[in-house]
Structures are given as C-alpha cells and as structure tokens.
C-alpha cells in the first residue's frame, strides 16, 4: 500500500497528514509518529509513504481549521478502518459541534450504548484521524480534561482554539 504523506507546521507542532489518494487515513503529530505507524501497521501490515504537498487538498483544510474556519473539516473524506463499534464512536465524534464538549457517557448514549462509556473512551484513544474526528471534544463527566492521544496540552489548545474556557 502506498500512502501520500504531508507535514504541516502548526502552533501545536508538526502535523502528519496521511492519505490513500482519496481519503484521509491518519492524522497525528510528529512526536506521536510511532503511534500512528503502529495503527497503520495493524490495518495495512505493509505500506510506504510518498511525500506529497497537500494531497487532495487535505492539508489546506487542516490549515483552514487551524486558522479558525469552523467548517473546513465537515466534509473531509476519511477512511478509519476499525471495528464496527469503533467506527460508530468515531463517526459520532463528527456530530459534536465546534466549541462544544460532551462526556464519554454522553457519547456512549449517542451511539445507543449508554453503559459502554469505558469502551467509548478506549475507542476514542485509537482514533486514527485526530482533529478531523474531534476526539478532543470529549471530556470526563466532571468536566476534567482526560485522555488525548496527542497530549493534554494539545487538547487544551484545541478546545481554547474553539472558544472554550478551560
């Protein structure tokens, strides 16, 4: 499998954008590249990268989000892989509006599995396309910032970027 990869600099570090030529397959941070590679290896076993600038316009859309465009990621095509349950969780993330947060329990209820909040949290931690599927908008029931695969400082920055006082 050949993936197109771009790297863009941002206030929260270098962002890695991986495309299969049609869809966004991975979005992570350079200092978490090993995590991203591990997730891709689980899905595809063997692959290589071709450096590409702005594959399918994906990098421009990420940059637009970072510049404050609330809707630049709305229709971005993604290919997440994962189990049916993980896909349910990840797609439900897209329904959380800009500048809003929900708890893991609320997200579990959203997918009609109200007692599965721990499983929802675990699925959230394996989200292969951070920012686009906004797992940073999921917080604990006590409103504490918990668990973000890219680090809590990035989660805090993303939420502040969306206008939330954290």
N, C-alpha and C. Protein backbone atom coordinates (compact mmCIF):
# COMPACT_ATOMS: atom_id res chain seq x y z
N UNK A 1 0.86 -1.18 0.00
CA UNK A 1 0.00 0.00 0.00
C UNK A 1 0.89 1.23 0.00
N UNK A 2 0.55 2.17 -0.87
CA UNK A 2 1.28 3.44 -0.90
C UNK A 2 0.39 4.55 -0.34
N UNK A 3 0.92 5.27 0.61
CA UNK A 3 0.22 6.42 1.18
C UNK A 3 0.92 7.70 0.79
N UNK A 4 0.14 8.73 0.64
CA UNK A 4 0.66 10.08 0.44
C UNK A 4 0.76 10.71 1.82
N UNK A 5 1.88 11.37 2.10
CA UNK A 5 2.05 12.00 3.41
C UNK A 5 2.51 13.43 3.24
N UNK A 6 1.93 14.29 4.05
CA UNK A 6 2.34 15.69 4.10
C UNK A 6 2.57 16.03 5.56
N UNK A 7 3.40 17.02 5.78
CA UNK A 7 3.69 17.50 7.13
C UNK A 7 3.49 19.01 7.12
N UNK A 8 2.65 19.46 8.04
CA UNK A 8 2.46 20.91 8.15
C UNK A 8 2.82 21.36 9.56
N UNK A 9 3.42 22.53 9.62
CA UNK A 9 3.77 23.10 10.92
C UNK A 9 2.58 23.85 11.47
N UNK A 10 2.44 23.80 12.79
CA UNK A 10 1.34 24.50 13.45
C UNK A 10 1.78 24.92 14.84
N UNK A 11 0.94 25.68 15.50
CA UNK A 11 1.22 26.11 16.88
C UNK A 11 1.30 24.93 17.84
N UNK A 12 0.72 23.81 17.47
CA UNK A 12 0.72 22.64 18.36
C UNK A 12 1.67 21.55 17.84
N UNK A 13 2.60 21.94 16.98
CA UNK A 13 3.61 21.01 16.49
C UNK A 13 3.36 20.60 15.05
N UNK A 14 4.26 19.79 14.55
CA UNK A 14 4.15 19.31 13.18
C UNK A 14 3.05 18.26 13.10
N UNK A 15 2.15 18.47 12.14
CA UNK A 15 1.02 17.56 11.94
C UNK A 15 1.30 16.70 10.73
N UNK A 16 1.11 15.39 10.89
CA UNK A 16 1.29 14.42 9.81
C UNK A 16 -0.08 14.10 9.21
N UNK A 17 -0.18 14.23 7.91
CA UNK A 17 -1.44 14.00 7.20
C UNK A 17 -1.20 12.88 6.19
N UNK A 18 -1.93 11.77 6.35
CA UNK A 18 -1.72 10.59 5.53
C UNK A 18 -2.99 10.29 4.74
N UNK A 19 -2.83 10.15 3.42
CA UNK A 19 -3.95 9.90 2.52
C UNK A 19 -3.70 8.63 1.72
N UNK A 20 -4.79 7.95 1.37
CA UNK A 20 -4.69 6.80 0.47
C UNK A 20 -4.92 7.21 -0.99
N UNK A 21 -4.96 8.51 -1.23
CA UNK A 21 -5.21 9.03 -2.57
C UNK A 21 -6.64 9.51 -2.76
N UNK A 22 -7.53 9.11 -1.84
CA UNK A 22 -8.92 9.53 -1.87
C UNK A 22 -9.37 10.07 -0.53
N UNK A 23 -8.95 9.41 0.53
CA UNK A 23 -9.42 9.72 1.89
C UNK A 23 -8.26 9.99 2.84
N UNK A 24 -8.56 10.70 3.89
CA UNK A 24 -7.62 10.86 5.00
C UNK A 24 -7.62 9.56 5.79
N UNK A 25 -6.47 8.95 5.96
CA UNK A 25 -6.36 7.67 6.68
C UNK A 25 -5.73 7.83 8.05
N UNK A 26 -4.94 8.88 8.21
CA UNK A 26 -4.30 9.13 9.51
C UNK A 26 -3.97 10.61 9.62
N UNK A 27 -4.13 11.12 10.83
CA UNK A 27 -3.69 12.47 11.15
C UNK A 27 -3.17 12.39 12.57
N UNK A 28 -1.89 12.71 12.73
CA UNK A 28 -1.28 12.66 14.05
C UNK A 28 -0.19 13.71 14.12
N UNK A 29 0.51 13.73 15.22
CA UNK A 29 1.56 14.71 15.45
C UNK A 29 2.92 14.03 15.33
N UNK A 30 3.91 14.77 14.83
CA UNK A 30 5.23 14.18 14.56
C UNK A 30 5.81 13.50 15.79
N UNK A 31 5.59 14.06 16.97
CA UNK A 31 6.15 13.42 18.17
C UNK A 31 5.35 12.19 18.60
N UNK A 32 4.28 11.89 17.91
CA UNK A 32 3.50 10.66 18.13
C UNK A 32 3.49 9.79 16.87
N UNK A 33 4.49 9.96 16.03
CA UNK A 33 4.55 9.23 14.77
C UNK A 33 4.56 7.72 14.98
N UNK A 34 5.22 7.24 16.03
CA UNK A 34 5.27 5.80 16.27
C UNK A 34 3.87 5.23 16.53
N UNK A 35 3.04 5.98 17.25
CA UNK A 35 1.65 5.58 17.49
C UNK A 35 0.91 5.45 16.16
N UNK A 36 1.07 6.46 15.30
CA UNK A 36 0.40 6.46 14.00
C UNK A 36 0.86 5.26 13.17
N UNK A 37 2.17 5.01 13.14
CA UNK A 37 2.71 3.89 12.37
C UNK A 37 2.17 2.56 12.88
N UNK A 38 2.07 2.44 14.19
CA UNK A 38 1.54 1.21 14.79
C UNK A 38 0.09 0.98 14.36
N UNK A 39 -0.73 2.04 14.40
CA UNK A 39 -2.13 1.91 13.98
C UNK A 39 -2.23 1.56 12.49
N UNK A 40 -1.40 2.18 11.66
CA UNK A 40 -1.42 1.87 10.23
C UNK A 40 -0.96 0.43 9.97
N UNK A 41 0.04 -0.03 10.72
CA UNK A 41 0.52 -1.40 10.54
C UNK A 41 -0.55 -2.42 10.93
N UNK A 42 -1.33 -2.12 11.95
CA UNK A 42 -2.44 -3.02 12.32
C UNK A 42 -3.43 -3.17 11.17
N UNK A 43 -3.67 -2.07 10.48
CA UNK A 43 -4.67 -2.07 9.41
C UNK A 43 -4.14 -2.61 8.09
N UNK A 44 -2.90 -2.23 7.74
CA UNK A 44 -2.41 -2.49 6.39
C UNK A 44 -1.20 -3.42 6.33
N UNK A 45 -0.62 -3.73 7.45
CA UNK A 45 0.57 -4.57 7.56
C UNK A 45 1.77 -3.96 6.85
N UNK A 46 1.69 -3.80 5.56
CA UNK A 46 2.83 -3.31 4.79
C UNK A 46 2.41 -2.06 4.00
N UNK A 47 3.24 -1.04 4.07
CA UNK A 47 2.96 0.19 3.34
C UNK A 47 4.23 1.02 3.25
N UNK A 48 4.17 2.02 2.40
CA UNK A 48 5.25 3.01 2.35
C UNK A 48 4.64 4.37 2.04
N UNK A 49 5.43 5.40 2.30
CA UNK A 49 4.96 6.78 2.14
C UNK A 49 5.61 7.44 0.94
N UNK A 50 4.81 8.27 0.29
CA UNK A 50 5.34 9.16 -0.74
C UNK A 50 5.08 10.58 -0.25
N UNK A 51 6.15 11.36 -0.10
CA UNK A 51 5.99 12.75 0.32
C UNK A 51 5.22 13.51 -0.75
N UNK A 52 4.17 14.18 -0.33
CA UNK A 52 3.30 14.92 -1.24
C UNK A 52 2.84 16.19 -0.53
N UNK A 53 2.80 17.27 -1.25
CA UNK A 53 2.27 18.51 -0.68
C UNK A 53 0.76 18.57 -0.90
N UNK A 54 0.03 18.75 0.17
CA UNK A 54 -1.41 18.99 0.13
C UNK A 54 -2.21 17.93 -0.65
N UNK A 55 -2.06 16.65 -0.28
CA UNK A 55 -2.79 15.62 -1.01
C UNK A 55 -4.31 15.84 -0.93
N UNK A 56 -4.96 15.81 -2.07
CA UNK A 56 -6.41 16.02 -2.21
C UNK A 56 -6.91 17.29 -1.50
N UNK A 57 -6.02 18.24 -1.27
CA UNK A 57 -6.41 19.48 -0.57
C UNK A 57 -6.60 19.29 0.92
N UNK A 58 -6.23 18.13 1.45
CA UNK A 58 -6.44 17.84 2.88
C UNK A 58 -5.64 18.76 3.78
N UNK A 59 -4.39 19.02 3.43
CA UNK A 59 -3.54 19.87 4.26
C UNK A 59 -4.11 21.29 4.34
N UNK A 60 -4.61 21.77 3.21
CA UNK A 60 -5.21 23.12 3.19
C UNK A 60 -6.42 23.20 4.12
N UNK A 61 -7.20 22.12 4.14
CA UNK A 61 -8.38 22.11 5.01
C UNK A 61 -7.98 22.07 6.48
N UNK A 62 -6.95 21.32 6.81
CA UNK A 62 -6.46 21.29 8.20
C UNK A 62 -5.94 22.67 8.57
N UNK A 63 -5.18 23.29 7.67
CA UNK A 63 -4.66 24.63 7.94
C UNK A 63 -5.81 25.63 8.11
N UNK A 64 -6.85 25.51 7.31
CA UNK A 64 -8.01 26.40 7.44
C UNK A 64 -8.65 26.23 8.82
N UNK A 65 -8.78 24.99 9.29
CA UNK A 65 -9.30 24.76 10.65
C UNK A 65 -8.42 25.47 11.67
N UNK A 66 -7.11 25.30 11.55
CA UNK A 66 -6.19 25.92 12.50
C UNK A 66 -6.26 27.45 12.44
N UNK A 67 -6.69 27.97 11.30
CA UNK A 67 -6.85 29.42 11.14
C UNK A 67 -8.23 29.90 11.56
N UNK A 68 -9.08 28.99 12.06
CA UNK A 68 -10.37 29.39 12.59
C UNK A 68 -11.59 29.06 11.74
N UNK A 69 -11.42 28.39 10.62
CA UNK A 69 -12.56 28.01 9.77
C UNK A 69 -13.31 26.86 10.44
N UNK A 70 -14.51 27.14 10.89
CA UNK A 70 -15.30 26.16 11.64
C UNK A 70 -15.80 25.00 10.79
N UNK A 71 -15.81 25.15 9.49
CA UNK A 71 -16.45 24.15 8.64
C UNK A 71 -15.50 23.47 7.65
N UNK A 72 -14.22 23.79 7.71
CA UNK A 72 -13.29 23.25 6.72
C UNK A 72 -13.14 21.73 6.78
N UNK A 73 -13.45 21.13 7.91
CA UNK A 73 -13.28 19.68 8.07
C UNK A 73 -14.59 18.91 7.93
N UNK A 74 -15.69 19.62 7.80
CA UNK A 74 -17.02 18.99 7.82
C UNK A 74 -17.19 17.85 6.82
N UNK A 75 -16.71 18.04 5.61
CA UNK A 75 -16.95 17.05 4.57
C UNK A 75 -15.68 16.32 4.16
N UNK A 76 -14.66 16.40 5.00
CA UNK A 76 -13.40 15.74 4.66
C UNK A 76 -13.61 14.22 4.66
N UNK A 77 -13.29 13.56 3.56
CA UNK A 77 -13.46 12.11 3.50
C UNK A 77 -12.40 11.40 4.33
N UNK A 78 -12.85 10.44 5.13
CA UNK A 78 -11.93 9.69 5.99
C UNK A 78 -12.11 8.19 5.77
N UNK A 79 -11.03 7.48 5.96
CA UNK A 79 -11.03 6.02 5.92
C UNK A 79 -10.36 5.59 7.22
N UNK A 80 -11.16 5.20 8.20
CA UNK A 80 -10.64 4.94 9.54
C UNK A 80 -10.32 3.48 9.81
N UNK A 81 -10.92 2.58 9.03
CA UNK A 81 -10.80 1.17 9.41
C UNK A 81 -11.46 0.97 10.76
N UNK A 82 -10.99 0.01 11.53
CA UNK A 82 -11.52 -0.23 12.87
C UNK A 82 -12.72 -1.15 12.87
N UNK A 83 -13.12 -1.52 14.07
CA UNK A 83 -14.29 -2.38 14.25
C UNK A 83 -15.57 -1.57 14.01
N UNK A 84 -16.67 -2.26 13.90
CA UNK A 84 -17.95 -1.57 13.74
C UNK A 84 -18.20 -0.63 14.92
N UNK A 85 -17.91 -1.10 16.13
CA UNK A 85 -18.10 -0.26 17.32
C UNK A 85 -17.20 0.99 17.25
N UNK A 86 -15.93 0.81 16.90
CA UNK A 86 -15.03 1.95 16.81
C UNK A 86 -15.53 2.94 15.76
N UNK A 87 -15.97 2.44 14.63
CA UNK A 87 -16.47 3.32 13.59
C UNK A 87 -17.69 4.10 14.07
N UNK A 88 -18.57 3.45 14.85
CA UNK A 88 -19.73 4.16 15.41
C UNK A 88 -19.27 5.31 16.30
N UNK A 89 -18.30 5.03 17.15
CA UNK A 89 -17.78 6.06 18.06
C UNK A 89 -17.14 7.18 17.25
N UNK A 90 -16.28 6.83 16.32
CA UNK A 90 -15.55 7.85 15.56
C UNK A 90 -16.48 8.70 14.72
N UNK A 91 -17.49 8.09 14.11
CA UNK A 91 -18.43 8.89 13.32
C UNK A 91 -19.28 9.79 14.22
N UNK A 92 -19.60 9.31 15.41
CA UNK A 92 -20.37 10.14 16.36
C UNK A 92 -19.57 11.37 16.78
N UNK A 93 -18.26 11.28 16.77
CA UNK A 93 -17.44 12.44 17.12
C UNK A 93 -17.73 13.61 16.19
N UNK A 94 -18.01 13.30 14.93
CA UNK A 94 -18.28 14.36 13.95
C UNK A 94 -19.57 15.13 14.25
N UNK A 95 -20.41 14.60 15.10
CA UNK A 95 -21.66 15.28 15.42
C UNK A 95 -21.50 16.27 16.57
N UNK A 96 -20.34 16.29 17.19
CA UNK A 96 -20.09 17.24 18.29
C UNK A 96 -19.71 18.57 17.66
N UNK A 97 -20.51 19.61 17.87
CA UNK A 97 -20.24 20.89 17.21
C UNK A 97 -18.96 21.57 17.72
N UNK A 98 -18.40 22.39 16.86
CA UNK A 98 -17.26 23.25 17.20
C UNK A 98 -17.60 24.00 18.49
N UNK A 99 -16.65 24.05 19.41
CA UNK A 99 -16.83 24.82 20.63
C UNK A 99 -17.70 24.16 21.68
N UNK A 100 -18.04 22.89 21.49
CA UNK A 100 -18.85 22.15 22.47
C UNK A 100 -18.07 20.93 22.92
N UNK A 101 -18.38 20.47 24.12
CA UNK A 101 -17.81 19.22 24.61
C UNK A 101 -18.93 18.32 25.11
N UNK A 102 -18.62 17.02 25.13
CA UNK A 102 -19.53 16.06 25.74
C UNK A 102 -18.69 15.08 26.55
N UNK A 103 -19.34 14.38 27.43
CA UNK A 103 -18.64 13.39 28.25
C UNK A 103 -18.60 12.05 27.50
N UNK A 104 -17.75 11.16 28.00
CA UNK A 104 -17.68 9.81 27.43
C UNK A 104 -19.04 9.12 27.57
N UNK A 105 -19.72 9.33 28.69
CA UNK A 105 -21.04 8.72 28.90
C UNK A 105 -22.06 9.28 27.90
N UNK A 106 -22.01 10.59 27.64
CA UNK A 106 -22.91 11.18 26.66
C UNK A 106 -22.63 10.65 25.26
N UNK A 107 -21.36 10.45 24.95
CA UNK A 107 -21.01 9.90 23.65
C UNK A 107 -21.50 8.45 23.54
N UNK A 108 -21.38 7.69 24.63
CA UNK A 108 -21.88 6.31 24.64
C UNK A 108 -23.39 6.30 24.41
N UNK A 109 -24.11 7.22 25.06
CA UNK A 109 -25.56 7.31 24.88
C UNK A 109 -25.90 7.69 23.45
N UNK A 110 -25.08 8.54 22.84
CA UNK A 110 -25.31 9.00 21.47
C UNK A 110 -25.29 7.84 20.48
N UNK A 111 -24.51 6.79 20.78
CA UNK A 111 -24.46 5.63 19.88
C UNK A 111 -25.32 4.48 20.41
N UNK A 112 -26.21 4.82 21.33
CA UNK A 112 -27.19 3.86 21.89
C UNK A 112 -26.52 2.71 22.67
N UNK A 113 -25.42 3.04 23.32
CA UNK A 113 -24.74 2.08 24.19
C UNK A 113 -24.37 2.79 25.49
N UNK A 114 -25.39 3.19 26.28
CA UNK A 114 -25.16 4.08 27.42
C UNK A 114 -24.24 3.53 28.51
N UNK A 115 -24.09 2.23 28.60
CA UNK A 115 -23.20 1.69 29.64
C UNK A 115 -21.79 1.44 29.12
N UNK A 116 -21.53 1.75 27.88
CA UNK A 116 -20.24 1.44 27.26
C UNK A 116 -19.27 2.62 27.28
N UNK A 117 -19.37 3.49 28.27
CA UNK A 117 -18.54 4.70 28.27
C UNK A 117 -17.05 4.39 28.36
N UNK A 118 -16.67 3.32 29.05
CA UNK A 118 -15.24 2.96 29.09
C UNK A 118 -14.77 2.47 27.71
N UNK A 119 -15.58 1.67 27.06
CA UNK A 119 -15.24 1.20 25.71
C UNK A 119 -15.19 2.37 24.73
N UNK A 120 -16.08 3.34 24.93
CA UNK A 120 -16.08 4.55 24.10
C UNK A 120 -14.76 5.30 24.32
N UNK A 121 -14.33 5.41 25.57
CA UNK A 121 -13.06 6.06 25.88
C UNK A 121 -11.90 5.36 25.20
N UNK A 122 -11.91 4.03 25.23
CA UNK A 122 -10.84 3.27 24.60
C UNK A 122 -10.86 3.46 23.09
N UNK A 123 -12.03 3.41 22.48
CA UNK A 123 -12.14 3.64 21.04
C UNK A 123 -11.65 5.04 20.69
N UNK A 124 -12.01 6.00 21.53
CA UNK A 124 -11.56 7.38 21.34
C UNK A 124 -10.04 7.44 21.29
N UNK A 125 -9.38 6.68 22.16
CA UNK A 125 -7.91 6.72 22.24
C UNK A 125 -7.26 6.14 20.98
N UNK A 126 -8.01 5.38 20.20
CA UNK A 126 -7.47 4.78 18.97
C UNK A 126 -7.90 5.52 17.71
N UNK A 127 -8.53 6.66 17.86
CA UNK A 127 -8.97 7.46 16.73
C UNK A 127 -7.77 7.75 15.81
N UNK A 128 -7.81 7.27 14.57
CA UNK A 128 -6.66 7.46 13.69
C UNK A 128 -6.57 8.83 13.03
N UNK A 129 -7.64 9.61 13.09
CA UNK A 129 -7.63 10.91 12.41
C UNK A 129 -8.03 12.01 13.40
N UNK A 130 -7.10 12.31 14.29
CA UNK A 130 -7.31 13.37 15.28
C UNK A 130 -7.72 14.67 14.57
N UNK A 131 -8.32 15.54 15.30
CA UNK A 131 -8.79 16.86 14.87
C UNK A 131 -10.00 16.73 13.93
N UNK A 132 -9.88 15.96 12.84
CA UNK A 132 -10.98 15.81 11.89
C UNK A 132 -12.14 15.08 12.55
N UNK A 133 -11.86 13.98 13.23
CA UNK A 133 -12.84 13.33 14.09
C UNK A 133 -12.49 13.82 15.48
N UNK A 134 -13.20 14.84 15.96
CA UNK A 134 -12.75 15.66 17.09
C UNK A 134 -12.86 15.00 18.47
N UNK A 135 -12.01 14.02 18.69
CA UNK A 135 -11.99 13.34 20.00
C UNK A 135 -11.55 14.30 21.11
N UNK A 136 -10.93 15.42 20.74
CA UNK A 136 -10.54 16.40 21.76
C UNK A 136 -11.76 17.05 22.42
N UNK A 137 -12.93 16.92 21.82
CA UNK A 137 -14.15 17.50 22.38
C UNK A 137 -14.82 16.60 23.41
N UNK A 138 -14.23 15.44 23.70
CA UNK A 138 -14.79 14.52 24.68
C UNK A 138 -13.99 14.66 25.98
N UNK A 139 -14.71 14.93 27.07
CA UNK A 139 -14.08 15.16 28.37
C UNK A 139 -14.75 14.26 29.41
N UNK A 140 -14.21 14.26 30.60
CA UNK A 140 -14.80 13.42 31.65
C UNK A 140 -16.12 14.01 32.13
N UNK A 141 -16.88 13.21 32.84
CA UNK A 141 -18.18 13.66 33.37
C UNK A 141 -18.00 14.83 34.33
N UNK A 142 -16.83 14.93 34.96
CA UNK A 142 -16.57 16.03 35.90
C UNK A 142 -16.03 17.26 35.18
N UNK A 143 -16.01 17.23 33.87
CA UNK A 143 -15.52 18.31 33.01
C UNK A 143 -14.00 18.44 33.03
N UNK A 144 -13.31 17.43 33.54
CA UNK A 144 -11.85 17.43 33.54
C UNK A 144 -11.34 16.99 32.17
N UNK A 145 -10.20 17.54 31.80
CA UNK A 145 -9.56 17.10 30.57
C UNK A 145 -8.85 15.79 30.86
N UNK A 146 -9.27 14.76 30.17
CA UNK A 146 -8.65 13.45 30.34
C UNK A 146 -8.34 12.88 28.98
N UNK A 147 -7.36 12.03 28.94
CA UNK A 147 -7.01 11.24 27.78
C UNK A 147 -7.08 11.91 26.44
N UNK A 148 -5.94 12.25 25.88
CA UNK A 148 -5.86 12.68 24.50
C UNK A 148 -4.56 12.10 23.96
N UNK A 149 -4.67 11.32 22.91
CA UNK A 149 -3.50 10.60 22.38
C UNK A 149 -2.39 11.56 21.94
N UNK A 150 -2.73 12.79 21.63
CA UNK A 150 -1.73 13.79 21.24
C UNK A 150 -1.21 14.61 22.40
N UNK A 151 -1.63 14.29 23.62
CA UNK A 151 -1.19 15.02 24.80
C UNK A 151 -2.23 16.04 25.26
N UNK A 152 -2.34 16.18 26.57
CA UNK A 152 -3.36 17.07 27.14
C UNK A 152 -3.13 18.54 26.79
N UNK A 153 -1.88 18.96 26.60
CA UNK A 153 -1.64 20.36 26.22
C UNK A 153 -2.24 20.66 24.85
N UNK A 154 -2.15 19.71 23.95
CA UNK A 154 -2.77 19.90 22.62
C UNK A 154 -4.29 19.91 22.74
N UNK A 155 -4.83 19.03 23.56
CA UNK A 155 -6.28 19.00 23.76
C UNK A 155 -6.73 20.36 24.31
N UNK A 156 -6.01 20.87 25.28
CA UNK A 156 -6.34 22.18 25.86
C UNK A 156 -6.27 23.26 24.78
N UNK A 157 -5.22 23.24 23.95
CA UNK A 157 -5.07 24.24 22.90
C UNK A 157 -6.24 24.15 21.91
N UNK A 158 -6.58 22.94 21.48
CA UNK A 158 -7.67 22.77 20.51
C UNK A 158 -8.99 23.29 21.06
N UNK A 159 -9.27 23.00 22.32
CA UNK A 159 -10.52 23.48 22.92
C UNK A 159 -10.52 25.00 23.06
N UNK A 160 -9.40 25.58 23.47
CA UNK A 160 -9.31 27.04 23.54
C UNK A 160 -9.45 27.65 22.16
N UNK A 161 -8.84 27.01 21.17
CA UNK A 161 -8.93 27.46 19.77
C UNK A 161 -10.39 27.53 19.33
N UNK A 162 -11.21 26.61 19.84
CA UNK A 162 -12.63 26.56 19.50
C UNK A 162 -13.47 27.43 20.43
N UNK A 163 -12.81 28.22 21.28
CA UNK A 163 -13.53 29.20 22.10
C UNK A 163 -13.97 28.74 23.46
N UNK A 164 -13.49 27.59 23.90
CA UNK A 164 -13.88 27.09 25.22
C UNK A 164 -12.90 27.57 26.28
N UNK A 165 -13.42 28.01 27.38
CA UNK A 165 -12.58 28.41 28.52
C UNK A 165 -12.28 27.16 29.34
N UNK A 166 -11.06 26.74 29.31
CA UNK A 166 -10.66 25.51 30.01
C UNK A 166 -9.81 25.89 31.20
